[in-house]
Amino acid sequence: MNGDFRTNFVRDAADLKHFPALVLNADYRPLSYYPLSLWPWQDAVKAAWLDRVDIIAEYEEVVHSPSTEIKIPSVVVLRDYVKPQRTVAFTRFNLFLRDEFRCQYCGSKGDLTFDHVIPRASGGITSWQNVVAACSPCNLRKGSKSLKQMGMKLRKPPRQPETGQLQNNGRKFPPNHLHKSWLDFLYWDAELEA
């Protein structure tokens, strides 16, 4: 299956009150951790009706058609395995996720932009190996000078991330609210009950 097909599985759920369904791949892992692979309840019901998914868990709420009543799915698993993307797209979001939403100079969070380690004015290119997340003050301070000229250091050298690395980084940033039926399928760093 192509990459465009996969992106249809990763959608934002506006709010838990809209009853999103956690979408698991056929191996019972979420298709994406960040953003978390969620479908609106309507898409989950349609996919179940078309036999594209199996319903693993349900909300208490039901929906009705003239001839059918169904509990709204809260966890669905795809019947066909969707192969994860091998290469990671070079996007602002993925760059911030690689750098864990921290400035790579001072470590601060929030108000991030990106910075060319070797400035473009000095021949630096826009690539995974030369661009890092930076807070505005650090970015302004560095300007178009080299790290050595400014006496600045990187927290870690920039490199192209693998898909698994971004998935692992995404686990560090769970959504504000997780439905209890999802917890057995999500592997954030949480203490397990004995």
Protein backbone atom coordinates (compact mmCIF):
# COMPACT_ATOMS: atom_id res chain seq x y z
CA MET A 1 0.00 0.00 0.00
CA ASN A 2 1.28 3.45 -0.77
CA GLY A 3 2.05 6.26 1.70
CA ASP A 4 -1.11 8.23 0.85
CA PHE A 5 -3.22 5.28 1.98
CA ARG A 6 -1.45 5.28 5.36
CA THR A 7 -2.12 8.96 6.03
CA ASN A 8 -5.85 8.30 5.92
CA PHE A 9 -5.45 6.39 9.18
CA VAL A 10 -3.76 9.20 11.10
CA ARG A 11 -6.29 11.89 11.92
CA ASP A 12 -6.84 14.30 14.73
CA ALA A 13 -9.71 13.72 17.08
CA ALA A 14 -11.03 17.11 18.16
CA ASP A 15 -11.98 15.93 21.62
CA LEU A 16 -12.65 12.69 23.44
CA LYS A 17 -16.33 13.60 23.71
CA HIS A 18 -16.55 12.90 19.98
CA PHE A 19 -15.71 9.22 20.69
CA PRO A 20 -12.58 8.69 18.58
CA ALA A 21 -11.39 5.15 17.94
CA LEU A 22 -7.77 4.17 18.45
CA VAL A 23 -6.58 2.54 15.21
CA LEU A 24 -4.19 -0.38 15.54
CA ASN A 25 -2.30 -2.03 12.74
CA ALA A 26 -2.82 -5.76 12.19
CA ASP A 27 0.08 -6.37 14.61
CA TYR A 28 -1.92 -4.58 17.36
CA ARG A 29 0.40 -1.56 17.49
CA PRO A 30 -0.87 1.97 16.89
CA LEU A 31 -0.21 3.16 13.37
CA SER A 32 1.22 6.33 14.86
CA TYR A 33 1.99 7.59 18.36
CA TYR A 34 2.42 11.25 17.55
CA PRO A 35 -0.05 12.21 16.44
CA LEU A 36 -1.90 9.25 17.88
CA SER A 37 -3.71 7.26 15.17
CA LEU A 38 -7.36 8.06 15.83
CA TRP A 39 -10.45 7.90 13.66
CA PRO A 40 -13.73 9.70 14.19
CA TRP A 41 -16.37 7.24 15.38
CA GLN A 42 -18.18 7.45 12.03
CA ASP A 43 -15.11 6.16 10.15
CA ALA A 44 -14.62 3.35 12.68
CA VAL A 45 -18.24 2.22 12.34
CA LYS A 46 -18.03 2.37 8.52
CA ALA A 47 -14.77 0.37 8.48
CA ALA A 48 -16.31 -2.26 10.78
CA TRP A 49 -19.41 -2.46 8.58
CA LEU A 50 -17.18 -2.96 5.51
CA ASP A 51 -15.17 -5.69 7.32
CA ARG A 52 -11.92 -3.73 7.13
CA VAL A 53 -11.38 -3.74 10.90
CA ASP A 54 -12.17 -5.82 13.95
CA ILE A 55 -13.62 -4.03 16.96
CA ILE A 56 -11.53 -4.71 20.05
CA ALA A 57 -13.18 -2.35 22.57
CA GLU A 58 -16.30 -0.20 22.65
CA TYR A 59 -17.74 2.86 24.35
CA GLU A 60 -21.01 2.52 26.24
CA GLU A 61 -22.74 4.82 23.75
CA VAL A 62 -24.60 3.33 20.80
CA VAL A 63 -25.58 4.54 17.36
CA HIS A 64 -28.63 3.43 15.45
CA SER A 65 -29.62 2.93 11.86
CA PRO A 66 -33.15 1.91 10.86
CA SER A 67 -32.21 -1.77 11.14
CA THR A 68 -29.07 -1.91 13.31
CA GLU A 69 -27.77 -0.80 16.68
CA ILE A 70 -24.02 -0.80 17.37
CA LYS A 71 -21.85 0.32 20.27
CA ILE A 72 -19.36 2.97 19.18
CA PRO A 73 -15.91 1.37 18.74
CA SER A 74 -13.12 2.74 20.95
CA VAL A 75 -10.33 0.45 19.65
CA VAL A 76 -10.21 -1.10 16.18
CA VAL A 77 -7.55 -3.26 14.56
CA LEU A 78 -6.99 -3.33 10.81
CA ARG A 79 -7.49 -6.69 9.14
CA ASP A 80 -4.73 -5.98 6.62
CA TYR A 81 -1.27 -4.94 7.78
CA VAL A 82 -0.20 -1.46 6.68
CA LYS A 83 3.54 -1.41 6.15
CA PRO A 84 5.16 1.46 8.09
CA GLN A 85 6.91 4.12 6.07
CA ARG A 86 10.62 3.45 5.73
CA THR A 87 11.77 7.01 5.27
CA VAL A 88 10.80 9.96 7.38
CA ALA A 89 9.60 13.08 5.60
CA PHE A 90 11.71 16.17 6.30
CA THR A 91 9.06 18.43 7.84
CA ARG A 92 9.11 21.04 10.57
CA PHE A 93 6.96 18.82 12.80
CA ASN A 94 9.19 15.76 12.34
CA LEU A 95 12.27 17.90 13.00
CA PHE A 96 10.76 19.14 16.28
CA LEU A 97 9.75 15.59 17.19
CA ARG A 98 13.28 14.31 16.46
CA ASP A 99 14.64 17.03 18.77
CA GLU A 100 11.91 16.28 21.37
CA PHE A 101 10.48 19.80 21.12
CA ARG A 102 13.60 21.29 22.75
CA CYS A 103 16.07 23.91 21.63
CA GLN A 104 19.23 22.05 20.64
CA TYR A 105 21.38 24.87 22.02
CA CYS A 106 19.92 25.66 25.46
CA GLY A 107 17.36 22.87 25.97
CA SER A 108 14.35 25.15 26.48
CA LYS A 109 10.85 24.19 25.36
CA GLY A 110 8.31 26.28 23.48
CA ASP A 111 8.62 29.12 20.98
CA LEU A 112 10.65 26.93 18.65
CA THR A 113 11.88 27.67 15.19
CA PHE A 114 14.63 25.92 13.26
CA ASP A 115 18.23 26.86 12.66
CA HIS A 116 20.84 25.90 10.09
CA VAL A 117 23.91 24.71 12.03
CA ILE A 118 26.14 25.71 9.11
CA PRO A 119 24.42 28.92 8.00
CA ARG A 120 23.04 29.04 4.49
CA ALA A 121 25.13 32.16 3.95
CA SER A 122 28.19 29.92 4.44
CA GLY A 123 26.93 27.20 2.09
CA GLY A 124 24.90 25.19 4.61
CA ILE A 125 22.04 23.21 3.14
CA THR A 126 18.56 22.48 4.44
CA SER A 127 18.82 18.83 5.48
CA TRP A 128 18.37 16.56 8.48
CA GLN A 129 22.12 16.78 9.13
CA ASN A 130 22.23 20.59 9.18
CA VAL A 131 18.94 21.80 10.68
CA VAL A 132 17.97 21.71 14.36
CA ALA A 133 15.15 22.97 16.55
CA ALA A 134 16.09 26.25 18.21
CA CYS A 135 14.34 28.73 20.46
CA SER A 136 14.04 32.24 19.09
CA PRO A 137 16.61 33.78 21.48
CA CYS A 138 19.28 31.20 20.57
CA ASN A 139 18.47 31.46 16.87
CA LEU A 140 18.77 35.26 16.98
CA ARG A 141 21.97 35.09 19.04
CA LYS A 142 23.63 32.67 16.61
CA GLY A 143 22.41 34.49 13.51
CA SER A 144 24.47 33.61 10.45
CA LYS A 145 27.62 32.80 12.39
CA SER A 146 29.16 29.40 13.07
CA LEU A 147 28.81 27.60 16.39
CA LYS A 148 32.53 28.08 17.04
CA GLN A 149 32.32 31.83 16.41
CA MET A 150 29.45 32.13 18.91
CA GLY A 151 30.85 29.67 21.46
CA MET A 152 27.68 27.58 21.23
CA LYS A 153 27.35 23.81 21.34
CA LEU A 154 24.69 21.39 20.20
CA ARG A 155 23.04 19.08 22.73
CA LYS A 156 23.32 16.25 20.18
CA PRO A 157 24.50 16.13 16.56
CA PRO A 158 21.69 16.37 14.00
CA ARG A 159 21.01 13.31 11.87
CA GLN A 160 18.21 11.82 9.85
CA PRO A 161 15.89 9.92 12.19
CA GLU A 162 14.53 6.48 11.55
CA THR A 163 10.79 5.85 11.69
CA GLY A 164 11.21 3.88 14.92
CA GLN A 165 13.06 6.76 16.58
CA LEU A 166 10.21 9.16 15.84
CA GLN A 167 7.66 6.61 17.08
CA ASN A 168 9.65 6.25 20.32
CA ASN A 169 9.92 10.02 20.70
CA GLY A 170 6.18 10.31 20.10
CA ARG A 171 5.53 7.99 23.04
CA LYS A 172 7.05 10.63 25.30
CA PHE A 173 4.22 13.02 24.46
CA PRO A 174 0.90 11.31 25.19
CA PRO A 175 -2.30 13.23 24.42
CA ASN A 176 -3.98 15.15 27.23
CA HIS A 177 -6.58 12.45 27.67
CA LEU A 178 -6.47 8.76 26.96
CA HIS A 179 -9.55 6.58 27.07
CA LYS A 180 -9.14 3.67 29.50
CA SER A 181 -9.80 1.14 26.71
CA TRP A 182 -6.71 2.37 24.86
CA LEU A 183 -4.19 1.88 27.66
CA ASP A 184 -3.45 -1.80 27.00
CA PHE A 185 -2.39 -0.93 23.45
CA LEU A 186 -0.25 2.12 24.18
CA TYR A 187 3.23 1.76 25.52
CA TRP A 188 4.12 5.02 27.14
CA ASP A 189 6.58 4.93 30.01
CA ALA A 190 4.16 4.07 32.78
CA GLU A 191 4.57 1.91 35.82
CA LEU A 192 2.87 -1.44 35.40
CA GLU A 193 0.55 -2.77 38.06
CA ALA A 194 1.84 -5.82 39.94
